Amino acid sequence: MLCARAEPRIQWVPSAERINVEVSGLDDAALAAVRDWPAEKWARAARRPRAAGQRAAMLGAWTTEARVLRFTPQFSAHARRRLPRGI
């Protein structure tokens, strides 16, 4: 389980090619715990809900740098020009 000193902050961060997901506010131990996770473990942990209880992993790469956990999707979301609801 990932832990944080305070409430983690999740942000959708647009770049030139992608909309990345960045999680900040995680403590050093939490970041160290996930730093070397293999892609298969990220795929299991990062599944999102779909219709009728199905779950699918989003394709992309997870990285840690400084004190940020970042997900960079494999495919651009700019083609749809939409952010998730509530953003």
N, C-alpha and C. Protein backbone atom coordinates (compact mmCIF):
# COMPACT_ATOMS: atom_id res chain seq x y z
N MET A 1 0.84 -1.18 0.00
CA MET A 1 0.00 0.00 0.00
C MET A 1 0.88 1.24 0.00
N LEU A 2 0.47 2.24 -0.78
CA LEU A 2 1.22 3.48 -0.83
C LEU A 2 0.78 4.38 0.31
N CYS A 3 1.73 5.04 0.94
CA CYS A 3 1.44 5.91 2.07
C CYS A 3 1.91 7.32 1.75
N ALA A 4 1.36 8.25 2.44
CA ALA A 4 1.75 9.64 2.25
C ALA A 4 1.74 10.35 3.58
N ARG A 5 2.56 11.40 3.68
CA ARG A 5 2.56 12.21 4.90
C ARG A 5 1.26 13.01 4.98
N ALA A 6 0.84 13.52 3.87
CA ALA A 6 -0.42 14.25 3.77
C ALA A 6 -1.23 13.56 2.68
N GLU A 7 -2.36 14.12 2.37
CA GLU A 7 -3.20 13.56 1.31
C GLU A 7 -2.45 13.66 -0.02
N PRO A 8 -2.31 12.56 -0.75
CA PRO A 8 -1.66 12.64 -2.07
C PRO A 8 -2.47 13.54 -3.01
N ARG A 9 -1.77 14.17 -3.91
CA ARG A 9 -2.41 15.05 -4.88
C ARG A 9 -2.26 14.42 -6.26
N ILE A 10 -3.37 14.24 -6.96
CA ILE A 10 -3.36 13.67 -8.30
C ILE A 10 -3.72 14.78 -9.27
N GLN A 11 -2.86 14.96 -10.27
CA GLN A 11 -3.07 16.01 -11.26
C GLN A 11 -2.99 15.45 -12.67
N TRP A 12 -3.80 15.99 -13.56
CA TRP A 12 -3.70 15.72 -15.00
C TRP A 12 -2.86 16.85 -15.56
N VAL A 13 -1.69 16.52 -16.13
CA VAL A 13 -0.74 17.54 -16.58
C VAL A 13 -0.55 17.43 -18.09
N PRO A 14 -1.08 18.40 -18.84
CA PRO A 14 -0.91 18.36 -20.30
C PRO A 14 0.53 18.66 -20.69
N SER A 15 1.02 17.94 -21.69
CA SER A 15 2.32 18.24 -22.29
C SER A 15 2.06 18.39 -23.79
N ALA A 16 3.11 18.55 -24.57
CA ALA A 16 2.94 18.74 -26.01
C ALA A 16 2.29 17.54 -26.68
N GLU A 17 2.58 16.34 -26.21
CA GLU A 17 2.10 15.13 -26.87
C GLU A 17 1.09 14.32 -26.06
N ARG A 18 1.04 14.50 -24.77
CA ARG A 18 0.23 13.63 -23.90
C ARG A 18 -0.43 14.43 -22.79
N ILE A 19 -1.33 13.77 -22.11
CA ILE A 19 -1.82 14.27 -20.83
C ILE A 19 -1.34 13.26 -19.80
N ASN A 20 -0.36 13.65 -19.00
CA ASN A 20 0.23 12.77 -18.00
C ASN A 20 -0.55 12.86 -16.70
N VAL A 21 -0.44 11.82 -15.90
CA VAL A 21 -1.03 11.80 -14.57
C VAL A 21 0.13 11.86 -13.58
N GLU A 22 0.12 12.84 -12.68
CA GLU A 22 1.18 12.98 -11.69
C GLU A 22 0.60 12.89 -10.30
N VAL A 23 1.25 12.09 -9.46
CA VAL A 23 0.85 11.93 -8.06
C VAL A 23 1.98 12.49 -7.21
N SER A 24 1.67 13.49 -6.41
CA SER A 24 2.66 14.06 -5.50
C SER A 24 2.16 13.90 -4.07
N GLY A 25 3.02 14.15 -3.11
CA GLY A 25 2.64 14.03 -1.71
C GLY A 25 2.92 12.66 -1.12
N LEU A 26 3.56 11.78 -1.88
CA LEU A 26 3.93 10.47 -1.35
C LEU A 26 5.24 10.60 -0.59
N ASP A 27 5.38 9.82 0.46
CA ASP A 27 6.63 9.90 1.22
C ASP A 27 7.74 9.09 0.54
N ASP A 28 8.96 9.25 1.04
CA ASP A 28 10.12 8.59 0.43
C ASP A 28 9.98 7.07 0.41
N ALA A 29 9.44 6.51 1.47
CA ALA A 29 9.29 5.05 1.55
C ALA A 29 8.31 4.55 0.48
N ALA A 30 7.23 5.27 0.28
CA ALA A 30 6.24 4.87 -0.74
C ALA A 30 6.85 4.95 -2.13
N LEU A 31 7.57 6.03 -2.41
CA LEU A 31 8.21 6.15 -3.72
C LEU A 31 9.26 5.07 -3.93
N ALA A 32 10.05 4.78 -2.91
CA ALA A 32 11.06 3.73 -3.02
C ALA A 32 10.42 2.37 -3.26
N ALA A 33 9.27 2.13 -2.64
CA ALA A 33 8.59 0.84 -2.77
C ALA A 33 8.12 0.58 -4.20
N VAL A 34 7.75 1.62 -4.92
CA VAL A 34 7.20 1.43 -6.27
C VAL A 34 8.22 1.71 -7.38
N ARG A 35 9.34 2.27 -7.03
CA ARG A 35 10.32 2.70 -8.04
C ARG A 35 10.72 1.58 -8.99
N ASP A 36 10.89 0.37 -8.51
CA ASP A 36 11.36 -0.73 -9.34
C ASP A 36 10.28 -1.76 -9.69
N TRP A 37 9.01 -1.36 -9.57
CA TRP A 37 7.95 -2.28 -9.95
C TRP A 37 8.04 -2.62 -11.42
N PRO A 38 7.85 -3.89 -11.79
CA PRO A 38 7.81 -4.25 -13.21
C PRO A 38 6.49 -3.79 -13.83
N ALA A 39 6.47 -3.70 -15.15
CA ALA A 39 5.28 -3.22 -15.87
C ALA A 39 4.03 -4.05 -15.53
N GLU A 40 4.20 -5.36 -15.33
CA GLU A 40 3.05 -6.22 -15.03
C GLU A 40 2.40 -5.83 -13.71
N LYS A 41 3.22 -5.45 -12.73
CA LYS A 41 2.67 -5.07 -11.43
C LYS A 41 1.92 -3.74 -11.56
N TRP A 42 2.46 -2.79 -12.34
CA TRP A 42 1.75 -1.53 -12.56
C TRP A 42 0.43 -1.77 -13.27
N ALA A 43 0.43 -2.68 -14.24
CA ALA A 43 -0.80 -2.97 -14.99
C ALA A 43 -1.88 -3.49 -14.05
N ARG A 44 -1.51 -4.32 -13.08
CA ARG A 44 -2.50 -4.84 -12.11
C ARG A 44 -2.96 -3.74 -11.16
N ALA A 45 -2.04 -2.91 -10.71
CA ALA A 45 -2.37 -1.88 -9.72
C ALA A 45 -3.15 -0.71 -10.31
N ALA A 46 -2.95 -0.44 -11.57
CA ALA A 46 -3.52 0.77 -12.17
C ALA A 46 -4.71 0.50 -13.08
N ARG A 47 -5.41 -0.55 -12.81
CA ARG A 47 -6.61 -0.82 -13.61
C ARG A 47 -7.69 0.18 -13.27
N ARG A 48 -8.50 0.52 -14.27
CA ARG A 48 -9.60 1.45 -14.05
C ARG A 48 -10.92 0.74 -14.28
N PRO A 49 -11.98 1.14 -13.58
CA PRO A 49 -13.28 0.49 -13.75
C PRO A 49 -13.84 0.68 -15.16
N ARG A 50 -14.53 -0.34 -15.64
CA ARG A 50 -15.24 -0.27 -16.92
C ARG A 50 -16.63 -0.84 -16.71
N ALA A 51 -17.37 -0.93 -17.74
CA ALA A 51 -18.76 -1.42 -17.67
C ALA A 51 -18.82 -2.84 -17.11
N ALA A 52 -19.87 -3.10 -16.41
CA ALA A 52 -20.18 -4.43 -15.88
C ALA A 52 -19.04 -5.04 -15.08
N GLY A 53 -18.34 -4.21 -14.31
CA GLY A 53 -17.32 -4.71 -13.42
C GLY A 53 -16.02 -5.11 -14.08
N GLN A 54 -15.91 -4.96 -15.40
CA GLN A 54 -14.66 -5.28 -16.08
C GLN A 54 -13.62 -4.22 -15.70
N ARG A 55 -12.38 -4.62 -15.75
CA ARG A 55 -11.30 -3.67 -15.48
C ARG A 55 -10.25 -3.81 -16.56
N ALA A 56 -9.72 -2.69 -17.02
CA ALA A 56 -8.69 -2.71 -18.06
C ALA A 56 -7.55 -1.78 -17.66
N ALA A 57 -6.35 -2.21 -17.93
CA ALA A 57 -5.20 -1.36 -17.65
C ALA A 57 -5.02 -0.36 -18.79
N MET A 58 -4.62 0.84 -18.44
CA MET A 58 -4.27 1.83 -19.45
C MET A 58 -2.83 1.55 -19.86
N LEU A 59 -2.55 1.59 -21.15
CA LEU A 59 -1.19 1.35 -21.62
C LEU A 59 -0.35 2.59 -21.44
N GLY A 60 0.85 2.41 -20.92
CA GLY A 60 1.75 3.53 -20.70
C GLY A 60 2.86 3.14 -19.76
N ALA A 61 3.59 4.12 -19.30
CA ALA A 61 4.74 3.87 -18.43
C ALA A 61 4.65 4.70 -17.15
N TRP A 62 5.04 4.08 -16.04
CA TRP A 62 5.11 4.75 -14.74
C TRP A 62 6.56 5.06 -14.44
N THR A 63 6.82 6.26 -13.95
CA THR A 63 8.18 6.64 -13.55
C THR A 63 8.10 7.42 -12.25
N THR A 64 9.22 7.43 -11.53
CA THR A 64 9.33 8.27 -10.34
C THR A 64 10.52 9.18 -10.55
N GLU A 65 10.34 10.44 -10.23
CA GLU A 65 11.45 11.37 -10.24
C GLU A 65 11.17 12.43 -9.20
N ALA A 66 12.24 12.84 -8.55
CA ALA A 66 12.10 13.77 -7.42
C ALA A 66 11.08 13.17 -6.46
N ARG A 67 9.99 13.84 -6.19
CA ARG A 67 8.97 13.33 -5.27
C ARG A 67 7.64 13.17 -5.98
N VAL A 68 7.71 12.80 -7.27
CA VAL A 68 6.50 12.66 -8.09
C VAL A 68 6.45 11.29 -8.73
N LEU A 69 5.29 10.68 -8.70
CA LEU A 69 5.01 9.45 -9.41
C LEU A 69 4.24 9.86 -10.66
N ARG A 70 4.73 9.49 -11.85
CA ARG A 70 4.14 9.98 -13.10
C ARG A 70 3.74 8.82 -14.00
N PHE A 71 2.52 8.90 -14.56
CA PHE A 71 2.07 7.96 -15.58
C PHE A 71 2.01 8.70 -16.90
N THR A 72 2.72 8.17 -17.90
CA THR A 72 2.69 8.73 -19.25
C THR A 72 1.98 7.71 -20.14
N PRO A 73 0.80 8.05 -20.64
CA PRO A 73 0.06 7.09 -21.47
C PRO A 73 0.77 6.82 -22.79
N GLN A 74 0.59 5.61 -23.28
CA GLN A 74 1.22 5.23 -24.54
C GLN A 74 0.61 6.01 -25.70
N PHE A 75 -0.68 6.27 -25.62
CA PHE A 75 -1.37 6.95 -26.70
C PHE A 75 -1.83 8.32 -26.24
N SER A 76 -1.82 9.26 -27.15
CA SER A 76 -2.21 10.63 -26.84
C SER A 76 -3.70 10.74 -26.58
N ALA A 77 -4.06 11.48 -25.54
CA ALA A 77 -5.46 11.78 -25.27
C ALA A 77 -5.87 13.07 -25.96
N HIS A 78 -4.91 13.79 -26.54
CA HIS A 78 -5.21 15.04 -27.21
C HIS A 78 -6.12 14.84 -28.41
N ALA A 79 -6.12 13.67 -28.98
CA ALA A 79 -6.97 13.42 -30.14
C ALA A 79 -8.43 13.64 -29.80
N ARG A 80 -8.80 13.34 -28.56
CA ARG A 80 -10.18 13.53 -28.11
C ARG A 80 -10.40 14.90 -27.53
N ARG A 81 -9.32 15.59 -27.15
CA ARG A 81 -9.41 16.92 -26.54
C ARG A 81 -10.33 16.95 -25.33
N ARG A 82 -10.32 15.89 -24.54
CA ARG A 82 -11.16 15.83 -23.37
C ARG A 82 -10.34 15.43 -22.17
N LEU A 83 -10.61 16.03 -21.06
CA LEU A 83 -10.05 15.58 -19.78
C LEU A 83 -11.14 14.79 -19.08
N PRO A 84 -10.77 13.96 -18.12
CA PRO A 84 -11.78 13.22 -17.36
C PRO A 84 -12.77 14.16 -16.70
N ARG A 85 -13.97 13.68 -16.50
CA ARG A 85 -15.01 14.48 -15.84
C ARG A 85 -14.51 14.99 -14.50
N GLY A 86 -14.90 16.21 -14.16
CA GLY A 86 -14.54 16.77 -12.89
C GLY A 86 -13.21 17.50 -12.90
N ILE A 87 -12.53 17.51 -14.03
CA ILE A 87 -11.24 18.20 -14.11
C ILE A 87 -11.46 19.57 -14.70
